[in-house]
């Protein structure tokens, strides 16, 4: 009888372990999977957050997936300003006169990514221009042709909307809108 009780206890212990292991696998399956370069950016943001709050924070919507160059591969836009650093919201957020790190990684045939662009911005909008999906940025100051610099208040500086796209040589950067009016499709690039 004691032996049977021990066996029952052991089976219960295995059942509990199996349940815990199953929950861990489910949690891993639900976690987003990003290429190593994107994961490195997320680890860097977590480290910055941890330095200030002793907590790593969460990716939030810092990583957006969209096929920006219409090649059938997933591309990734990493915007540091949307990393969720609880208790230090302003740590990674853009300020009135400065943006934060924003990077574009283009998907490759081998499943990897290549960093195509990096700059400081106030935040991307995922839009449709005609039939193409694009990222646009509302900006202000010298990039919009305002040469007055610090002689005017930030709120009085010229503003413009620029599109992230390649130039004639294939180099990615912020360019004037090609044509048409941008129509927002979602905050994450997944469509509404």
N, C-alpha and C. Protein backbone atom coordinates (compact mmCIF):
# COMPACT_ATOMS: atom_id res chain seq x y z
N UNK A 1 0.83 -1.18 0.00
CA UNK A 1 0.00 0.00 0.00
C UNK A 1 0.87 1.25 0.00
N UNK A 2 1.92 1.27 0.84
CA UNK A 2 2.81 2.43 0.88
C UNK A 2 3.49 2.61 -0.46
N UNK A 3 3.86 1.45 -1.07
CA UNK A 3 4.50 1.51 -2.37
C UNK A 3 3.56 2.11 -3.40
N UNK A 4 2.30 1.74 -3.37
CA UNK A 4 1.31 2.26 -4.31
C UNK A 4 1.12 3.76 -4.10
N UNK A 5 1.11 4.18 -2.82
CA UNK A 5 0.99 5.62 -2.53
C UNK A 5 2.17 6.39 -3.09
N UNK A 6 3.37 5.83 -2.96
CA UNK A 6 4.56 6.47 -3.48
C UNK A 6 4.49 6.56 -5.00
N UNK A 7 4.00 5.50 -5.62
CA UNK A 7 3.86 5.48 -7.07
C UNK A 7 2.84 6.53 -7.50
N UNK A 8 1.74 6.63 -6.80
CA UNK A 8 0.73 7.63 -7.13
C UNK A 8 1.31 9.03 -6.99
N UNK A 9 2.06 9.25 -5.93
CA UNK A 9 2.68 10.56 -5.72
C UNK A 9 3.66 10.86 -6.84
N UNK A 10 4.44 9.88 -7.24
CA UNK A 10 5.41 10.07 -8.32
C UNK A 10 4.70 10.37 -9.62
N UNK A 11 3.63 9.67 -9.93
CA UNK A 11 2.87 9.94 -11.15
C UNK A 11 2.29 11.35 -11.09
N UNK A 12 1.78 11.74 -9.93
CA UNK A 12 1.27 13.10 -9.80
C UNK A 12 2.37 14.11 -10.02
N UNK A 13 3.55 13.85 -9.48
CA UNK A 13 4.68 14.76 -9.69
C UNK A 13 5.05 14.86 -11.16
N UNK A 14 5.04 13.72 -11.87
CA UNK A 14 5.32 13.73 -13.30
C UNK A 14 4.23 14.49 -14.06
N UNK A 15 2.98 14.31 -13.64
CA UNK A 15 1.88 15.03 -14.28
C UNK A 15 2.06 16.53 -14.11
N UNK A 16 2.46 16.92 -12.90
CA UNK A 16 2.68 18.35 -12.65
C UNK A 16 3.83 18.86 -13.52
N UNK A 17 4.93 18.09 -13.58
CA UNK A 17 6.05 18.49 -14.42
C UNK A 17 5.65 18.57 -15.89
N UNK A 18 4.86 17.61 -16.34
CA UNK A 18 4.39 17.61 -17.73
C UNK A 18 3.52 18.84 -18.00
N UNK A 19 2.67 19.18 -17.04
CA UNK A 19 1.81 20.36 -17.19
C UNK A 19 2.66 21.63 -17.25
N UNK A 20 3.65 21.75 -16.37
CA UNK A 20 4.53 22.92 -16.36
C UNK A 20 5.31 22.99 -17.67
N UNK A 21 5.85 21.87 -18.12
CA UNK A 21 6.61 21.85 -19.37
C UNK A 21 5.72 22.24 -20.54
N UNK A 22 4.49 21.75 -20.55
CA UNK A 22 3.54 22.10 -21.62
C UNK A 22 3.23 23.58 -21.63
N UNK A 23 3.07 24.16 -20.45
CA UNK A 23 2.80 25.60 -20.35
C UNK A 23 4.00 26.40 -20.84
N UNK A 24 5.20 25.95 -20.52
CA UNK A 24 6.41 26.64 -20.97
C UNK A 24 6.54 26.58 -22.48
N UNK A 25 6.24 25.44 -23.07
CA UNK A 25 6.28 25.30 -24.53
C UNK A 25 5.24 26.20 -25.17
N UNK A 26 4.04 26.26 -24.60
CA UNK A 26 2.99 27.14 -25.13
C UNK A 26 3.42 28.59 -25.05
N UNK A 27 4.05 28.99 -23.95
CA UNK A 27 4.50 30.38 -23.80
C UNK A 27 5.58 30.69 -24.83
N UNK A 28 6.49 29.73 -25.07
CA UNK A 28 7.53 29.95 -26.07
C UNK A 28 6.91 30.05 -27.46
N UNK A 29 5.93 29.24 -27.75
CA UNK A 29 5.29 29.26 -29.06
C UNK A 29 4.59 30.59 -29.29
N UNK A 30 4.06 31.20 -28.22
CA UNK A 30 3.34 32.46 -28.35
C UNK A 30 4.29 33.65 -28.46
N UNK A 31 5.54 33.51 -28.00
CA UNK A 31 6.50 34.62 -28.05
C UNK A 31 6.89 34.88 -29.49
N UNK A 32 7.02 36.17 -29.87
CA UNK A 32 7.41 36.48 -31.23
C UNK A 32 8.82 35.99 -31.53
N UNK A 33 9.01 35.55 -32.75
CA UNK A 33 10.31 35.08 -33.19
C UNK A 33 10.85 36.12 -34.17
N UNK A 34 12.02 36.64 -33.86
CA UNK A 34 12.65 37.65 -34.70
C UNK A 34 14.04 37.19 -35.11
N UNK A 35 14.56 37.72 -36.21
CA UNK A 35 15.93 37.39 -36.61
C UNK A 35 16.94 37.86 -35.56
N UNK A 36 18.13 37.26 -35.54
CA UNK A 36 19.14 37.59 -34.52
C UNK A 36 19.45 39.09 -34.42
N UNK A 37 19.54 39.81 -35.52
CA UNK A 37 19.86 41.25 -35.47
C UNK A 37 18.76 42.03 -34.74
N UNK A 38 17.52 41.66 -34.98
CA UNK A 38 16.39 42.31 -34.32
C UNK A 38 16.38 41.94 -32.84
N UNK A 39 16.66 40.69 -32.53
CA UNK A 39 16.73 40.26 -31.13
C UNK A 39 17.84 41.01 -30.40
N UNK A 40 18.95 41.28 -31.07
CA UNK A 40 20.05 42.03 -30.44
C UNK A 40 19.58 43.44 -30.09
N UNK A 41 18.81 44.07 -30.97
CA UNK A 41 18.26 45.40 -30.68
C UNK A 41 17.33 45.33 -29.46
N UNK A 42 16.49 44.31 -29.40
CA UNK A 42 15.57 44.17 -28.27
C UNK A 42 16.34 43.93 -26.97
N UNK A 43 17.40 43.13 -27.02
CA UNK A 43 18.22 42.91 -25.83
C UNK A 43 18.87 44.22 -25.37
N UNK A 44 19.31 45.04 -26.33
CA UNK A 44 19.92 46.33 -25.99
C UNK A 44 18.89 47.24 -25.30
N UNK A 45 17.67 47.28 -25.82
CA UNK A 45 16.62 48.09 -25.20
C UNK A 45 16.29 47.57 -23.80
N UNK A 46 16.24 46.24 -23.66
CA UNK A 46 15.96 45.64 -22.34
C UNK A 46 17.07 46.01 -21.36
N UNK A 47 18.31 46.02 -21.82
CA UNK A 47 19.43 46.37 -20.97
C UNK A 47 19.35 47.83 -20.52
N UNK A 48 19.02 48.73 -21.45
CA UNK A 48 18.87 50.15 -21.09
C UNK A 48 17.75 50.33 -20.06
N UNK A 49 16.66 49.63 -20.26
CA UNK A 49 15.52 49.71 -19.34
C UNK A 49 15.91 49.16 -17.97
N UNK A 50 16.59 48.02 -17.96
CA UNK A 50 17.00 47.38 -16.71
C UNK A 50 17.94 48.27 -15.91
N UNK A 51 18.83 49.02 -16.59
CA UNK A 51 19.76 49.92 -15.90
C UNK A 51 19.02 50.96 -15.07
N UNK A 52 17.87 51.41 -15.55
CA UNK A 52 17.12 52.47 -14.88
C UNK A 52 16.07 51.94 -13.92
N UNK A 53 15.41 50.84 -14.29
CA UNK A 53 14.26 50.36 -13.51
C UNK A 53 14.49 49.04 -12.80
N UNK A 54 15.59 48.36 -13.07
CA UNK A 54 15.85 47.01 -12.57
C UNK A 54 14.88 45.98 -13.16
N UNK A 55 14.17 46.35 -14.23
CA UNK A 55 13.29 45.44 -14.96
C UNK A 55 13.61 45.56 -16.44
N UNK A 56 13.49 44.47 -17.20
CA UNK A 56 13.87 44.53 -18.61
C UNK A 56 12.86 45.23 -19.53
N UNK A 57 11.65 45.43 -19.10
CA UNK A 57 10.64 45.99 -19.98
C UNK A 57 10.13 44.94 -20.97
N UNK A 58 9.33 45.39 -21.94
CA UNK A 58 8.75 44.47 -22.93
C UNK A 58 8.83 45.11 -24.31
N UNK A 59 8.91 44.27 -25.35
CA UNK A 59 9.03 44.81 -26.71
C UNK A 59 7.86 45.70 -27.14
N UNK A 60 6.67 45.48 -26.57
CA UNK A 60 5.53 46.28 -27.01
C UNK A 60 5.37 46.18 -28.52
N UNK A 61 5.25 47.32 -29.18
CA UNK A 61 5.16 47.34 -30.66
C UNK A 61 6.43 47.94 -31.25
N UNK A 62 7.57 47.74 -30.57
CA UNK A 62 8.84 48.28 -31.05
C UNK A 62 9.28 47.65 -32.36
N UNK A 63 8.81 46.44 -32.65
CA UNK A 63 9.17 45.77 -33.90
C UNK A 63 7.92 45.62 -34.76
N UNK A 64 8.02 46.11 -35.97
CA UNK A 64 6.90 46.00 -36.93
C UNK A 64 7.36 45.15 -38.10
N UNK A 65 6.44 44.29 -38.55
CA UNK A 65 6.72 43.42 -39.70
C UNK A 65 5.89 43.89 -40.89
N UNK A 66 6.53 44.05 -42.02
CA UNK A 66 5.82 44.39 -43.25
C UNK A 66 6.77 44.13 -44.42
N UNK A 67 6.22 43.84 -45.56
CA UNK A 67 7.05 43.67 -46.76
C UNK A 67 7.15 45.03 -47.44
N UNK A 68 8.08 45.84 -46.99
CA UNK A 68 8.18 47.23 -47.46
C UNK A 68 8.69 47.35 -48.89
N UNK A 69 9.46 46.38 -49.35
CA UNK A 69 9.99 46.46 -50.71
C UNK A 69 9.31 45.50 -51.69
N UNK A 70 8.20 44.91 -51.28
CA UNK A 70 7.36 44.05 -52.14
C UNK A 70 8.13 42.90 -52.79
N UNK A 71 9.07 42.31 -52.04
CA UNK A 71 9.81 41.16 -52.59
C UNK A 71 9.30 39.83 -52.05
N UNK A 72 8.20 39.88 -51.27
CA UNK A 72 7.62 38.65 -50.73
C UNK A 72 8.26 38.19 -49.43
N UNK A 73 9.23 38.93 -48.91
CA UNK A 73 9.90 38.56 -47.66
C UNK A 73 9.50 39.54 -46.56
N UNK A 74 9.50 39.07 -45.32
CA UNK A 74 9.17 39.92 -44.19
C UNK A 74 10.35 40.83 -43.87
N UNK A 75 10.06 42.12 -43.81
CA UNK A 75 11.04 43.11 -43.40
C UNK A 75 10.66 43.59 -42.00
N UNK A 76 11.62 44.15 -41.27
CA UNK A 76 11.39 44.55 -39.88
C UNK A 76 11.80 46.00 -39.67
N UNK A 77 10.91 46.78 -39.09
CA UNK A 77 11.23 48.13 -38.68
C UNK A 77 11.27 48.13 -37.16
N UNK A 78 12.40 48.53 -36.58
CA UNK A 78 12.58 48.57 -35.14
C UNK A 78 12.55 50.04 -34.73
N UNK A 79 11.56 50.40 -33.91
CA UNK A 79 11.42 51.77 -33.42
C UNK A 79 11.52 51.75 -31.91
N UNK A 80 12.65 52.22 -31.41
CA UNK A 80 12.95 52.20 -29.99
C UNK A 80 11.89 52.92 -29.15
N UNK A 81 11.23 53.91 -29.71
CA UNK A 81 10.25 54.71 -28.98
C UNK A 81 9.01 53.95 -28.54
N UNK A 82 8.79 52.75 -29.07
CA UNK A 82 7.62 51.97 -28.67
C UNK A 82 7.98 50.77 -27.81
N UNK A 83 9.22 50.73 -27.32
CA UNK A 83 9.60 49.70 -26.36
C UNK A 83 8.97 50.07 -25.03
N UNK A 84 8.35 49.11 -24.38
CA UNK A 84 7.60 49.35 -23.14
C UNK A 84 8.53 49.23 -21.93
N UNK A 85 9.07 50.38 -21.50
CA UNK A 85 9.94 50.41 -20.32
C UNK A 85 9.14 51.00 -19.17
N UNK A 86 8.38 50.13 -18.50
CA UNK A 86 7.52 50.54 -17.40
C UNK A 86 8.33 51.26 -16.32
N UNK A 87 7.78 52.29 -15.75
CA UNK A 87 8.39 53.12 -14.71
C UNK A 87 9.49 54.05 -15.25
N UNK A 88 9.74 54.03 -16.55
CA UNK A 88 10.71 54.96 -17.17
C UNK A 88 10.26 55.21 -18.60
N UNK A 89 9.03 55.64 -18.75
CA UNK A 89 8.41 55.79 -20.07
C UNK A 89 9.24 56.68 -20.99
N UNK A 90 9.85 57.73 -20.46
CA UNK A 90 10.59 58.65 -21.31
C UNK A 90 11.99 58.17 -21.68
N UNK A 91 12.46 57.08 -21.08
CA UNK A 91 13.81 56.59 -21.32
C UNK A 91 14.08 56.35 -22.80
N UNK A 92 13.20 55.65 -23.48
CA UNK A 92 13.41 55.30 -24.89
C UNK A 92 12.47 56.06 -25.82
N UNK A 93 11.72 57.01 -25.29
CA UNK A 93 10.73 57.74 -26.09
C UNK A 93 11.35 58.99 -26.71
N UNK A 94 10.84 59.39 -27.89
CA UNK A 94 11.34 60.61 -28.50
C UNK A 94 10.92 61.84 -27.71
N UNK A 95 11.75 62.88 -27.75
CA UNK A 95 11.43 64.13 -27.07
C UNK A 95 10.92 65.16 -28.07
N UNK A 96 10.70 66.38 -27.62
CA UNK A 96 10.16 67.43 -28.46
C UNK A 96 11.13 67.81 -29.59
N UNK A 97 12.43 67.76 -29.32
CA UNK A 97 13.39 68.21 -30.33
C UNK A 97 14.34 67.11 -30.79
N UNK A 98 14.09 65.89 -30.42
CA UNK A 98 14.95 64.80 -30.87
C UNK A 98 14.12 63.52 -31.02
N UNK A 99 14.57 62.67 -31.89
CA UNK A 99 13.89 61.39 -32.07
C UNK A 99 14.66 60.29 -31.37
N UNK A 100 14.33 59.05 -31.70
CA UNK A 100 15.04 57.91 -31.14
C UNK A 100 15.43 56.95 -32.26
N UNK A 101 16.29 56.02 -31.93
CA UNK A 101 16.82 55.09 -32.92
C UNK A 101 15.69 54.32 -33.62
N UNK A 102 15.76 54.33 -34.93
CA UNK A 102 14.82 53.60 -35.78
C UNK A 102 15.64 52.88 -36.84
N UNK A 103 15.39 51.59 -37.04
CA UNK A 103 16.18 50.81 -38.00
C UNK A 103 15.26 50.00 -38.91
N UNK A 104 15.69 49.84 -40.16
CA UNK A 104 14.99 48.99 -41.12
C UNK A 104 15.88 47.82 -41.47
N UNK A 105 15.34 46.61 -41.28
CA UNK A 105 16.03 45.39 -41.69
C UNK A 105 15.23 44.76 -42.83
N UNK A 106 15.89 44.49 -43.95
CA UNK A 106 15.23 43.84 -45.09
C UNK A 106 15.44 42.34 -45.02
N UNK A 107 14.33 41.59 -45.22
CA UNK A 107 14.40 40.13 -45.22
C UNK A 107 15.18 39.62 -46.42
N UNK A 108 15.95 38.55 -46.19
CA UNK A 108 16.77 37.94 -47.24
C UNK A 108 16.24 36.55 -47.60
N UNK A 109 16.63 36.05 -48.74
CA UNK A 109 16.17 34.74 -49.21
C UNK A 109 16.54 33.62 -48.24
N UNK A 110 17.67 33.75 -47.53
CA UNK A 110 18.12 32.70 -46.61
C UNK A 110 17.43 32.76 -45.24
N UNK A 111 16.47 33.69 -45.09
CA UNK A 111 15.75 33.83 -43.83
C UNK A 111 16.37 34.86 -42.89
N UNK A 112 17.56 35.34 -43.21
CA UNK A 112 18.20 36.36 -42.41
C UNK A 112 17.71 37.75 -42.79
N UNK A 113 18.34 38.75 -42.22
CA UNK A 113 18.02 40.14 -42.54
C UNK A 113 19.30 40.94 -42.74
N UNK A 114 19.17 42.04 -43.45
CA UNK A 114 20.27 42.98 -43.64
C UNK A 114 19.78 44.36 -43.21
N UNK A 115 20.58 45.05 -42.38
CA UNK A 115 20.19 46.41 -41.98
C UNK A 115 20.36 47.32 -43.19
N UNK A 116 19.25 47.96 -43.59
CA UNK A 116 19.25 48.82 -44.77
C UNK A 116 19.27 50.29 -44.41
N UNK A 117 18.86 50.62 -43.18
CA UNK A 117 18.75 52.03 -42.81
C UNK A 117 18.68 52.17 -41.30
N UNK A 118 19.24 53.28 -40.80
CA UNK A 118 19.14 53.61 -39.38
C UNK A 118 19.17 55.13 -39.26
N UNK A 119 18.29 55.68 -38.43
CA UNK A 119 18.27 57.12 -38.20
C UNK A 119 17.52 57.39 -36.90
N UNK A 120 17.44 58.63 -36.54
CA UNK A 120 16.70 59.06 -35.36
C UNK A 120 15.39 59.67 -35.84
N UNK A 121 14.24 59.14 -35.37
CA UNK A 121 12.95 59.62 -35.83
C UNK A 121 11.98 59.77 -34.67
N UNK A 122 10.83 60.35 -34.96
CA UNK A 122 9.78 60.50 -33.96
C UNK A 122 8.77 59.37 -34.03
N UNK A 123 8.83 58.56 -35.03
CA UNK A 123 7.90 57.44 -35.08
C UNK A 123 7.31 57.22 -36.44
N UNK A 124 7.23 55.97 -36.83
CA UNK A 124 6.73 55.61 -38.15
C UNK A 124 5.21 55.42 -38.17
N UNK A 125 4.65 55.63 -39.32
CA UNK A 125 3.27 55.26 -39.58
C UNK A 125 3.30 54.26 -40.74
N UNK A 126 2.57 53.16 -40.60
CA UNK A 126 2.45 52.20 -41.69
C UNK A 126 1.27 52.67 -42.53
N UNK A 127 1.52 52.91 -43.81
CA UNK A 127 0.50 53.48 -44.68
C UNK A 127 0.45 52.75 -46.01
N UNK A 128 -0.61 53.02 -46.75
CA UNK A 128 -0.70 52.58 -48.15
C UNK A 128 -0.59 53.84 -49.00
N UNK A 129 0.27 53.78 -49.99
CA UNK A 129 0.34 54.84 -50.99
C UNK A 129 0.08 54.13 -52.30
N UNK A 130 -1.12 54.37 -52.86
CA UNK A 130 -1.55 53.58 -54.01
C UNK A 130 -1.76 52.16 -53.55
N UNK A 131 -1.06 51.21 -54.16
CA UNK A 131 -1.18 49.81 -53.75
C UNK A 131 -0.01 49.34 -52.90
N UNK A 132 0.97 50.23 -52.68
CA UNK A 132 2.18 49.85 -51.95
C UNK A 132 2.04 50.14 -50.46
N UNK A 133 2.62 49.27 -49.64
CA UNK A 133 2.73 49.51 -48.20
C UNK A 133 4.00 50.31 -47.99
N UNK A 134 3.93 51.32 -47.14
CA UNK A 134 5.09 52.18 -46.91
C UNK A 134 5.14 52.62 -45.45
N UNK A 135 6.31 53.11 -45.06
CA UNK A 135 6.46 53.77 -43.76
C UNK A 135 6.66 55.25 -44.05
N UNK A 136 5.90 56.09 -43.35
CA UNK A 136 6.11 57.53 -43.43
C UNK A 136 6.44 58.04 -42.04
N UNK A 137 7.10 59.20 -42.01
CA UNK A 137 7.52 59.82 -40.77
C UNK A 137 7.13 61.30 -40.81
N UNK A 138 6.46 61.77 -39.79
CA UNK A 138 6.18 63.20 -39.65
C UNK A 138 7.39 63.79 -38.95
N UNK A 139 8.05 64.72 -39.62
CA UNK A 139 9.28 65.31 -39.09
C UNK A 139 9.19 66.82 -39.10
N UNK A 140 10.19 67.47 -38.53
CA UNK A 140 10.24 68.93 -38.55
C UNK A 140 11.68 69.39 -38.54
N UNK A 141 11.87 70.65 -38.92
CA UNK A 141 13.19 71.24 -38.85
C UNK A 141 13.95 71.17 -40.15
N UNK A 142 15.27 71.05 -40.05
CA UNK A 142 16.14 71.16 -41.22
C UNK A 142 15.87 70.10 -42.28
N UNK A 143 15.46 68.90 -41.89
CA UNK A 143 15.17 67.86 -42.87
C UNK A 143 14.00 68.27 -43.77
N UNK A 144 13.16 69.18 -43.28
CA UNK A 144 12.01 69.67 -44.04
C UNK A 144 12.31 71.01 -44.73
N UNK A 145 13.58 71.41 -44.71
CA UNK A 145 13.96 72.65 -45.38
C UNK A 145 13.95 73.88 -44.48
N UNK A 146 13.72 73.71 -43.20
CA UNK A 146 13.71 74.83 -42.26
C UNK A 146 15.14 75.10 -41.82
N UNK A 147 15.70 76.22 -42.21
CA UNK A 147 17.09 76.56 -41.88
C UNK A 147 17.20 77.54 -40.72
N UNK A 148 16.11 77.78 -40.00
CA UNK A 148 16.12 78.77 -38.92
C UNK A 148 16.70 78.22 -37.62
N UNK A 149 16.82 76.90 -37.50
CA UNK A 149 17.44 76.28 -36.34
C UNK A 149 16.84 76.72 -35.02
N UNK A 150 17.70 76.99 -34.05
CA UNK A 150 17.24 77.32 -32.70
C UNK A 150 16.68 78.74 -32.58
N UNK A 151 16.65 79.49 -33.69
CA UNK A 151 16.08 80.85 -33.64
C UNK A 151 14.56 80.82 -33.48
N UNK A 152 13.94 79.66 -33.70
CA UNK A 152 12.49 79.54 -33.54
C UNK A 152 12.17 78.40 -32.59
N UNK A 153 11.03 78.50 -31.94
CA UNK A 153 10.59 77.44 -31.03
C UNK A 153 10.32 76.17 -31.82
N UNK A 154 10.46 75.02 -31.17
CA UNK A 154 10.22 73.73 -31.82
C UNK A 154 8.84 73.70 -32.47
N UNK A 155 7.83 74.21 -31.77
CA UNK A 155 6.46 74.18 -32.29
C UNK A 155 6.28 75.03 -33.54
N UNK A 156 7.18 75.98 -33.78
CA UNK A 156 7.06 76.87 -34.95
C UNK A 156 7.90 76.42 -36.14
N UNK A 157 8.61 75.33 -36.02
CA UNK A 157 9.45 74.85 -37.11
C UNK A 157 8.60 74.23 -38.21
N UNK A 158 9.12 74.29 -39.44
CA UNK A 158 8.43 73.68 -40.57
C UNK A 158 8.34 72.17 -40.36
N UNK A 159 7.24 71.58 -40.76
CA UNK A 159 7.08 70.13 -40.64
C UNK A 159 6.80 69.54 -42.02
N UNK A 160 7.04 68.25 -42.14
CA UNK A 160 6.80 67.55 -43.41
C UNK A 160 6.61 66.07 -43.13
N UNK A 161 6.09 65.37 -44.11
CA UNK A 161 5.95 63.91 -44.04
C UNK A 161 6.87 63.32 -45.10
N UNK A 162 7.77 62.45 -44.67
CA UNK A 162 8.70 61.81 -45.59
C UNK A 162 8.46 60.31 -45.58
N UNK A 163 8.82 59.68 -46.68
CA UNK A 163 8.63 58.24 -46.85
C UNK A 163 9.98 57.53 -46.80
N UNK A 164 10.03 56.40 -46.10
CA UNK A 164 11.22 55.57 -46.08
C UNK A 164 11.20 54.70 -47.33
N UNK A 165 12.15 54.95 -48.23
CA UNK A 165 12.23 54.19 -49.47
C UNK A 165 13.62 54.35 -50.06
N UNK A 166 13.98 53.49 -51.01
CA UNK A 166 15.31 53.61 -51.62
C UNK A 166 15.36 54.76 -52.62
N UNK A 167 16.56 55.35 -52.76
CA UNK A 167 16.75 56.37 -53.78
C UNK A 167 17.08 55.68 -55.11
N UNK A 168 17.46 56.46 -56.11
CA UNK A 168 17.74 55.90 -57.44
C UNK A 168 18.90 54.90 -57.43
N UNK A 169 19.81 55.01 -56.46
CA UNK A 169 20.94 54.07 -56.35
C UNK A 169 20.62 52.87 -55.47
N UNK A 170 19.42 52.83 -54.90
CA UNK A 170 19.03 51.71 -54.06
C UNK A 170 19.33 51.90 -52.58
N UNK A 171 19.84 53.08 -52.19
CA UNK A 171 20.14 53.34 -50.78
C UNK A 171 18.86 53.81 -50.09
N UNK A 172 18.52 53.13 -48.98
CA UNK A 172 17.30 53.46 -48.24
C UNK A 172 17.50 54.72 -47.43
N UNK A 173 16.46 55.55 -47.39
CA UNK A 173 16.49 56.77 -46.61
C UNK A 173 15.14 57.45 -46.64
N UNK A 174 15.04 58.57 -45.94
CA UNK A 174 13.79 59.33 -45.92
C UNK A 174 13.75 60.22 -47.16
N UNK A 175 12.71 60.04 -47.96
CA UNK A 175 12.55 60.73 -49.24
C UNK A 175 11.20 61.43 -49.26
N UNK A 176 11.06 62.46 -50.12
CA UNK A 176 9.72 63.05 -50.29
C UNK A 176 8.73 61.98 -50.76
N UNK A 177 7.46 62.17 -50.43
CA UNK A 177 6.43 61.22 -50.89
C UNK A 177 6.44 61.16 -52.40
N UNK A 178 6.30 59.95 -52.95
CA UNK A 178 6.32 59.76 -54.39
C UNK A 178 5.10 60.41 -55.03
N UNK A 179 3.95 59.98 -54.63
CA UNK A 179 2.69 60.53 -55.14
C UNK A 179 1.57 59.96 -54.31
N UNK A 180 0.43 60.57 -54.38
CA UNK A 180 -0.71 60.07 -53.64
C UNK A 180 -0.68 60.51 -52.19
N UNK A 181 -1.72 60.15 -51.49
CA UNK A 181 -1.85 60.51 -50.09
C UNK A 181 -1.72 59.25 -49.24
N UNK A 182 -0.87 59.30 -48.21
CA UNK A 182 -0.74 58.12 -47.35
C UNK A 182 -2.02 57.86 -46.57
N UNK A 183 -2.42 56.59 -46.51
CA UNK A 183 -3.60 56.18 -45.76
C UNK A 183 -3.13 55.19 -44.71
N UNK A 184 -3.31 55.51 -43.43
CA UNK A 184 -2.86 54.64 -42.34
C UNK A 184 -3.57 53.30 -42.43
N UNK A 185 -2.81 52.20 -42.26
CA UNK A 185 -3.44 50.88 -42.27
C UNK A 185 -3.41 50.20 -40.92
N UNK A 186 -2.43 50.49 -40.07
CA UNK A 186 -2.39 49.95 -38.71
C UNK A 186 -1.14 50.43 -38.01
N UNK A 187 -1.13 50.25 -36.70
CA UNK A 187 0.04 50.64 -35.91
C UNK A 187 1.14 49.60 -36.02
N UNK A 188 0.81 48.36 -36.35
CA UNK A 188 1.80 47.30 -36.33
C UNK A 188 2.22 46.84 -37.71
N UNK A 189 1.54 47.31 -38.74
CA UNK A 189 1.88 46.88 -40.08
C UNK A 189 1.18 45.61 -40.48
N UNK A 190 0.28 45.12 -39.66
CA UNK A 190 -0.41 43.87 -39.93
C UNK A 190 -1.71 44.07 -40.70
N UNK A 191 -2.12 45.30 -40.92
CA UNK A 191 -3.40 45.56 -41.59
C UNK A 191 -4.52 45.61 -40.57
N UNK A 192 -5.59 46.32 -40.89
CA UNK A 192 -6.71 46.45 -39.95
C UNK A 192 -7.69 45.32 -40.10
